[in-house]
Amino acid sequence: MLKLSLRCAAFIACLSLVPALAQTPKQAAAPTQAQIDLARKVVIDSGLSRSFATIVLQTMGQINSTVTATRPELINDMRTTLNDLQPEFMKATDPIINGAANIFAALMTEQELKDQDAFFTSTAGKKYVDAQPALLANVTPMMTNWSHDISISFMSRVRDEMKKKGHDI
């Protein structure tokens, strides 16, 4: 259940990039290095990069589980190895952080990025970022229930409408 919650939390956090990917960039010119640097700071300070790190940690956990399930005598050495390799594996988040930064830099002006940076480094912004894991942990079960409920409701409505057209499904 914890793995599912962490995956859902990572997925939900990554969804915040979807609107950025779907929009046409505001600027005609390529973003400046200053915009990219600010956008990278926003990605980190907003907590979005934490979602990428979660995926790395989950992958490490899956490797540990896979190997030690068939080779339980390796548990201690595997734990040590993964702990030693964690800094190296965490660097694997750099490309996705940079990619997200480039997307944000292309979609926002330097002033908008400065405004976001100011928020995320403010007391209120830090509290918002700190609250995200608890929010996602509580929203994920709500989303699961909500998704189930709307699926049933929508299917019922589709059946009713299809029945009006002479189709039983």
Protein backbone atom coordinates (compact mmCIF):
# COMPACT_ATOMS: atom_id res chain seq x y z
CA MET A 1 0.00 0.00 0.00
CA LEU A 2 2.88 2.37 0.83
CA LYS A 3 4.49 1.73 -2.58
CA LEU A 4 1.17 2.47 -4.26
CA SER A 5 0.74 5.67 -2.26
CA LEU A 6 4.27 6.81 -3.08
CA ARG A 7 3.74 6.07 -6.75
CA CYS A 8 0.42 7.91 -6.72
CA ALA A 9 2.02 10.86 -4.95
CA ALA A 10 4.82 10.97 -7.50
CA PHE A 11 2.33 10.66 -10.33
CA ILE A 12 0.13 13.44 -8.95
CA ALA A 13 3.11 15.71 -8.48
CA CYS A 14 4.26 15.03 -12.03
CA LEU A 15 0.79 15.92 -13.26
CA SER A 16 1.59 19.51 -12.40
CA LEU A 17 3.84 19.46 -15.49
CA VAL A 18 1.07 18.35 -17.85
CA PRO A 19 -0.47 21.81 -18.33
CA ALA A 20 2.98 23.18 -19.05
CA LEU A 21 3.60 20.50 -21.67
CA ALA A 22 0.26 21.12 -23.36
CA GLN A 23 0.64 24.88 -23.75
CA THR A 24 2.43 26.87 -26.38
CA PRO A 25 5.37 28.76 -24.89
CA LYS A 26 4.66 32.46 -24.22
CA GLN A 27 8.03 33.67 -25.42
CA ALA A 28 8.96 33.74 -29.08
CA ALA A 29 12.66 33.56 -28.27
CA ALA A 30 14.43 30.75 -26.50
CA PRO A 31 14.56 31.21 -22.74
CA THR A 32 17.61 32.91 -21.34
CA GLN A 33 20.04 31.11 -19.07
CA ALA A 34 18.73 33.32 -16.24
CA GLN A 35 15.19 32.04 -16.88
CA ILE A 36 16.39 28.43 -16.96
CA ASP A 37 18.35 28.90 -13.73
CA LEU A 38 15.34 30.51 -12.02
CA ALA A 39 13.03 27.80 -13.34
CA ARG A 40 15.38 25.10 -11.99
CA LYS A 41 15.24 26.78 -8.60
CA VAL A 42 11.44 26.85 -8.79
CA VAL A 43 11.32 23.13 -9.68
CA ILE A 44 13.45 22.36 -6.62
CA ASP A 45 11.90 24.85 -4.20
CA SER A 46 8.33 23.90 -5.21
CA GLY A 47 8.90 20.29 -4.18
CA LEU A 48 8.47 18.95 -7.70
CA SER A 49 12.01 17.57 -7.72
CA ARG A 50 11.17 15.64 -4.56
CA SER A 51 8.74 13.59 -6.67
CA PHE A 52 11.54 12.61 -9.01
CA ALA A 53 13.71 11.61 -6.06
CA THR A 54 10.86 9.44 -4.79
CA ILE A 55 10.92 7.47 -8.03
CA VAL A 56 14.66 6.85 -7.61
CA LEU A 57 14.14 5.64 -4.04
CA GLN A 58 11.28 3.38 -5.14
CA THR A 59 13.48 1.90 -7.86
CA MET A 60 16.20 1.21 -5.32
CA GLY A 61 13.62 -0.47 -3.08
CA GLN A 62 12.40 -2.62 -5.96
CA ILE A 63 15.96 -3.71 -6.77
CA ASN A 64 16.48 -4.61 -3.11
CA SER A 65 13.23 -6.59 -2.97
CA THR A 66 13.90 -8.41 -6.22
CA VAL A 67 17.42 -9.48 -5.31
CA THR A 68 16.82 -10.34 -1.67
CA ALA A 69 13.61 -12.27 -2.39
CA THR A 70 15.67 -15.01 -3.98
CA ARG A 71 18.93 -14.33 -2.16
CA PRO A 72 18.03 -13.46 1.47
CA GLU A 73 21.63 -13.97 2.55
CA LEU A 74 22.48 -10.76 0.66
CA ILE A 75 20.19 -8.48 2.68
CA ASN A 76 22.93 -6.73 4.68
CA ASP A 77 25.35 -6.34 1.77
CA MET A 78 22.52 -5.20 -0.50
CA ARG A 79 21.45 -2.56 2.02
CA THR A 80 25.04 -1.29 2.31
CA THR A 81 25.52 -1.28 -1.46
CA LEU A 82 22.30 0.62 -2.10
CA ASN A 83 23.13 3.15 0.62
CA ASP A 84 26.58 3.65 -0.90
CA LEU A 85 25.14 4.07 -4.39
CA GLN A 86 22.24 6.33 -3.38
CA PRO A 87 24.10 9.64 -4.03
CA GLU A 88 25.04 8.41 -7.51
CA PHE A 89 21.50 7.23 -8.23
CA MET A 90 20.02 10.51 -6.97
CA LYS A 91 22.02 12.34 -9.65
CA ALA A 92 19.79 10.55 -12.14
CA THR A 93 17.13 13.14 -11.27
CA ASP A 94 19.21 15.96 -12.82
CA PRO A 95 18.04 15.41 -16.41
CA ILE A 96 14.34 15.43 -15.46
CA ILE A 97 14.81 18.46 -13.19
CA ASN A 98 16.59 20.26 -16.03
CA GLY A 99 13.88 19.21 -18.48
CA ALA A 100 11.15 20.54 -16.21
CA ALA A 101 13.15 23.75 -15.74
CA ASN A 102 13.42 24.21 -19.50
CA ILE A 103 9.68 23.73 -19.90
CA PHE A 104 8.89 26.25 -17.18
CA ALA A 105 11.47 28.70 -18.57
CA ALA A 106 9.85 28.47 -22.01
CA LEU A 107 6.38 29.06 -20.59
CA MET A 108 7.06 31.89 -18.16
CA THR A 109 8.76 35.22 -18.22
CA GLU A 110 11.73 35.91 -16.01
CA GLN A 111 9.52 38.08 -13.78
CA GLU A 112 6.93 35.31 -13.39
CA LEU A 113 9.69 32.91 -12.40
CA LYS A 114 11.04 35.46 -9.91
CA ASP A 115 7.54 35.78 -8.44
CA GLN A 116 7.23 32.01 -8.11
CA ASP A 117 10.68 31.80 -6.57
CA ALA A 118 9.73 34.50 -4.08
CA PHE A 119 6.62 32.54 -3.11
CA PHE A 120 8.31 29.16 -2.73
CA THR A 121 11.11 30.65 -0.62
CA SER A 122 8.67 32.62 1.57
CA THR A 123 7.34 31.26 4.85
CA ALA A 124 3.96 30.52 3.26
CA GLY A 125 5.59 28.88 0.24
CA LYS A 126 7.80 26.67 2.40
CA LYS A 127 4.77 25.65 4.45
CA TYR A 128 2.91 24.81 1.23
CA VAL A 129 5.79 22.63 0.03
CA ASP A 130 6.14 20.97 3.44
CA ALA A 131 2.39 20.20 3.44
CA GLN A 132 2.43 18.52 0.02
CA PRO A 133 3.39 14.99 1.18
CA ALA A 134 0.64 14.93 3.81
CA LEU A 135 -1.83 16.39 1.35
CA LEU A 136 -0.99 13.78 -1.27
CA ALA A 137 -1.08 10.97 1.30
CA ASN A 138 -4.61 12.01 2.22
CA VAL A 139 -5.82 12.92 -1.27
CA THR A 140 -4.66 9.66 -2.87
CA PRO A 141 -7.22 7.44 -1.06
CA MET A 142 -9.89 10.08 -1.72
CA MET A 143 -8.99 10.03 -5.42
CA THR A 144 -9.18 6.25 -5.51
CA ASN A 145 -12.67 6.28 -4.01
CA TRP A 146 -13.76 9.21 -6.17
CA SER A 147 -12.45 7.53 -9.32
CA HIS A 148 -14.31 4.33 -8.46
CA ASP A 149 -17.54 6.22 -7.73
CA ILE A 150 -17.49 8.29 -10.93
CA SER A 151 -16.65 5.22 -12.98
CA ILE A 152 -19.76 3.47 -11.70
CA SER A 153 -21.89 6.59 -12.09
CA PHE A 154 -20.65 7.32 -15.61
CA MET A 155 -21.13 3.74 -16.73
CA SER A 156 -24.66 3.76 -15.38
CA ARG A 157 -25.43 6.96 -17.30
CA VAL A 158 -23.88 5.55 -20.50
CA ARG A 159 -25.99 2.38 -20.15
CA ASP A 160 -29.14 4.48 -19.67
CA GLU A 161 -28.41 6.58 -22.73
CA MET A 162 -27.45 3.58 -24.86
CA LYS A 163 -30.66 1.81 -23.77
CA LYS A 164 -32.63 4.81 -25.08
CA LYS A 165 -30.95 4.14 -28.45
CA GLY A 166 -31.93 0.49 -28.34
CA HIS A 167 -28.65 -0.96 -27.09
CA ASP A 168 -28.22 -3.05 -23.95
CA ILE A 169 -24.68 -2.96 -22.62
